[in-house]
Amino acid sequence: MSILTNPNRIPENYGLRIAAGLILFFLVMFAFGLAHVVELRLLNLLILTAGVYYGLKKFRATHEASIHYFRALATGVSIAAIGSAVFAFFLFLFLKFDTGLMEWIKENEPMGRFLNPYMAAFIVALEGVFSGLLVTFVLINYIPTEVDNVTS
C-alpha cells in the first residue's frame, strides 16, 4: 500500500498535494515574473484550504464516516504543516540557487535586509502552519464532527 492510498497516511498524502500545488503556483508566478507580487500569496491560502478540506473529507470517508473534533483539528493542522514544510524546503533550495530573488527581497521588502534563505523558508513554514490552524478551525465548524459529551 502506497502513501497515496493508505487511509492512515492522509496527512502525508494531502500535505504533499498541497506542497505540489504551492510549488506549481510559485513556479508559474516566477515564470511570468510575478514572484515578487506579495498579494498573490493570498492564493496560497486557497490551495491550503482545498488541501485541508479534501483531506478531512477523505479522513471521514475512510474512517466510518465520522471524525472526532480534536482528531479533525490535529489531522488538518498536520496536513497543512507537512505541505508548508515541504514547500518551505523547496523555497529554501530555490533561494539558495537563484540568488536574484533573494537579493530582490533584501532590497525591496521592509524587513528584507534581515532575511536570508534560512529565515525566509522558516517564516514561510511558520506562516503555513498558523494558516493551516486557522483554516482547519474554520473548516471543522462546517463539516460534521463528533463531540464528546462530558458531564461535569
Protein backbone atom coordinates (compact mmCIF):
# COMPACT_ATOMS: atom_id res chain seq x y z
CA MET A 1 0.00 0.00 0.00
CA SER A 2 1.47 3.34 -1.02
CA ILE A 3 1.36 6.63 0.84
CA LEU A 4 -1.25 7.87 -1.64
CA THR A 5 -3.74 5.07 -0.90
CA ASN A 6 -3.12 4.30 2.78
CA PRO A 7 -6.02 5.70 4.87
CA ASN A 8 -3.66 6.08 7.84
CA ARG A 9 -1.36 8.38 5.86
CA ILE A 10 -3.87 11.08 4.92
CA PRO A 11 -1.83 13.98 6.38
CA GLU A 12 1.22 12.98 4.33
CA ASN A 13 -0.86 12.36 1.20
CA TYR A 14 -2.72 15.66 1.24
CA GLY A 15 0.26 17.57 2.63
CA LEU A 16 2.28 16.51 -0.40
CA ARG A 17 -0.59 17.53 -2.66
CA ILE A 18 -0.66 20.97 -1.04
CA ALA A 19 3.11 21.26 -1.47
CA ALA A 20 2.83 20.29 -5.14
CA GLY A 21 0.13 22.91 -5.66
CA LEU A 22 2.14 25.61 -3.89
CA ILE A 23 5.31 24.75 -5.81
CA LEU A 24 3.49 24.72 -9.13
CA PHE A 25 1.81 28.04 -8.37
CA PHE A 26 5.16 29.57 -7.33
CA LEU A 27 6.90 28.36 -10.47
CA VAL A 28 4.12 29.69 -12.70
CA MET A 29 4.27 33.07 -10.97
CA PHE A 30 8.06 33.08 -11.21
CA ALA A 31 7.90 32.21 -14.93
CA PHE A 32 5.55 35.15 -15.53
CA GLY A 33 7.74 37.50 -13.49
CA LEU A 34 5.18 37.82 -10.69
CA ALA A 35 7.10 36.11 -7.87
CA HIS A 36 7.66 39.46 -6.20
CA VAL A 37 3.94 40.35 -6.00
CA VAL A 38 3.20 39.72 -2.34
CA GLU A 39 -0.57 39.95 -2.74
CA LEU A 40 -0.60 36.77 -4.85
CA ARG A 41 0.37 34.85 -1.72
CA LEU A 42 -3.29 35.05 -0.73
CA LEU A 43 -3.95 32.46 -3.43
CA ASN A 44 -1.71 30.10 -1.43
CA LEU A 45 -4.44 30.17 1.18
CA LEU A 46 -6.92 28.79 -1.36
CA ILE A 47 -4.55 25.92 -2.17
CA LEU A 48 -4.06 25.23 1.54
CA THR A 49 -7.80 25.39 2.23
CA ALA A 50 -8.63 23.00 -0.59
CA GLY A 51 -5.98 20.51 0.55
CA VAL A 52 -7.12 20.55 4.17
CA TYR A 53 -10.80 20.33 3.21
CA TYR A 54 -10.35 17.35 0.90
CA GLY A 55 -8.01 15.69 3.40
CA LEU A 56 -10.61 15.95 6.16
CA LYS A 57 -13.30 14.76 3.78
CA LYS A 58 -11.16 11.74 2.84
CA PHE A 59 -10.50 11.03 6.52
CA ARG A 60 -14.24 10.91 7.22
CA ALA A 61 -14.83 8.67 4.21
CA THR A 62 -12.15 6.16 5.23
CA HIS A 63 -12.96 6.10 8.96
CA GLU A 64 -16.59 5.01 9.07
CA ALA A 65 -17.93 8.44 8.05
CA SER A 66 -17.08 10.01 11.38
CA ILE A 67 -14.34 12.20 12.75
CA HIS A 68 -13.85 13.46 16.26
CA TYR A 69 -13.49 17.24 16.60
CA PHE A 70 -9.97 17.21 18.05
CA ARG A 71 -8.85 14.45 15.68
CA ALA A 72 -10.06 16.64 12.81
CA LEU A 73 -8.11 19.57 14.23
CA ALA A 74 -4.93 17.50 14.54
CA THR A 75 -5.37 15.99 11.08
CA GLY A 76 -5.97 19.34 9.40
CA VAL A 77 -3.02 21.02 11.08
CA SER A 78 -0.83 18.04 10.22
CA ILE A 79 -1.84 18.25 6.58
CA ALA A 80 -1.03 21.96 6.49
CA ALA A 81 2.24 21.55 8.39
CA ILE A 82 3.52 18.85 6.03
CA GLY A 83 2.53 20.85 2.95
CA SER A 84 4.09 24.02 4.33
CA ALA A 85 7.30 22.29 5.41
CA VAL A 86 7.83 20.69 2.01
CA PHE A 87 7.12 24.00 0.26
CA ALA A 88 9.45 25.84 2.64
CA PHE A 89 12.21 23.34 1.87
CA PHE A 90 11.65 23.87 -1.86
CA LEU A 91 11.72 27.64 -1.35
CA PHE A 92 14.94 27.36 0.67
CA LEU A 93 16.61 25.46 -2.18
CA PHE A 94 15.22 27.89 -4.74
CA LEU A 95 16.52 30.93 -2.86
CA LYS A 96 19.93 29.30 -2.37
CA PHE A 97 20.35 28.64 -6.09
CA ASP A 98 18.56 31.68 -7.52
CA THR A 99 20.19 34.48 -5.58
CA GLY A 100 18.46 37.13 -7.71
CA LEU A 101 15.12 36.63 -5.98
CA MET A 102 16.76 36.68 -2.56
CA GLU A 103 18.55 39.93 -3.44
CA TRP A 104 15.29 41.46 -4.64
CA ILE A 105 13.65 40.52 -1.34
CA LYS A 106 16.52 42.04 0.62
CA GLU A 107 16.34 45.29 -1.34
CA ASN A 108 12.57 45.77 -1.60
CA GLU A 109 10.89 44.25 1.42
CA PRO A 110 10.67 46.19 4.71
CA MET A 111 12.46 43.51 6.76
CA GLY A 112 14.39 42.14 3.79
CA ARG A 113 17.81 43.20 4.99
CA PHE A 114 17.43 40.82 7.94
CA LEU A 115 16.47 37.85 5.78
CA ASN A 116 18.46 35.02 4.30
CA PRO A 117 17.20 31.80 2.67
CA TYR A 118 17.06 30.04 6.05
CA MET A 119 14.92 32.72 7.68
CA ALA A 120 12.70 33.16 4.63
CA ALA A 121 11.98 29.42 4.49
CA PHE A 122 11.35 29.28 8.24
CA ILE A 123 8.92 32.19 8.02
CA VAL A 124 7.06 30.51 5.14
CA ALA A 125 6.81 27.25 7.11
CA LEU A 126 5.62 29.06 10.24
CA GLU A 127 3.09 31.08 8.27
CA GLY A 128 1.80 27.89 6.67
CA VAL A 129 1.35 26.11 10.00
CA PHE A 130 -0.57 29.00 11.53
CA SER A 131 -2.64 29.48 8.37
CA GLY A 132 -3.38 25.77 8.49
CA LEU A 133 -4.50 26.05 12.09
CA LEU A 134 -6.89 28.87 11.21
CA VAL A 135 -8.18 27.14 8.07
CA THR A 136 -8.71 23.87 9.93
CA PHE A 137 -10.53 25.59 12.77
CA VAL A 138 -12.89 27.25 10.31
CA LEU A 139 -13.42 24.11 8.23
CA ILE A 140 -14.19 21.78 11.13
CA ASN A 141 -17.02 24.05 12.08
CA TYR A 142 -18.57 23.37 8.67
CA ILE A 143 -18.04 19.62 8.42
CA PRO A 144 -19.92 17.25 10.72
CA THR A 145 -17.72 16.16 13.62
CA GLU A 146 -18.37 14.20 16.75
CA VAL A 147 -18.02 15.95 20.06
CA ASP A 148 -17.71 14.08 23.35
CA ASN A 149 -20.49 14.80 25.79
CA VAL A 150 -18.63 15.39 29.01
CA THR A 151 -20.74 15.72 32.10
CA SER A 152 -19.35 17.62 35.00
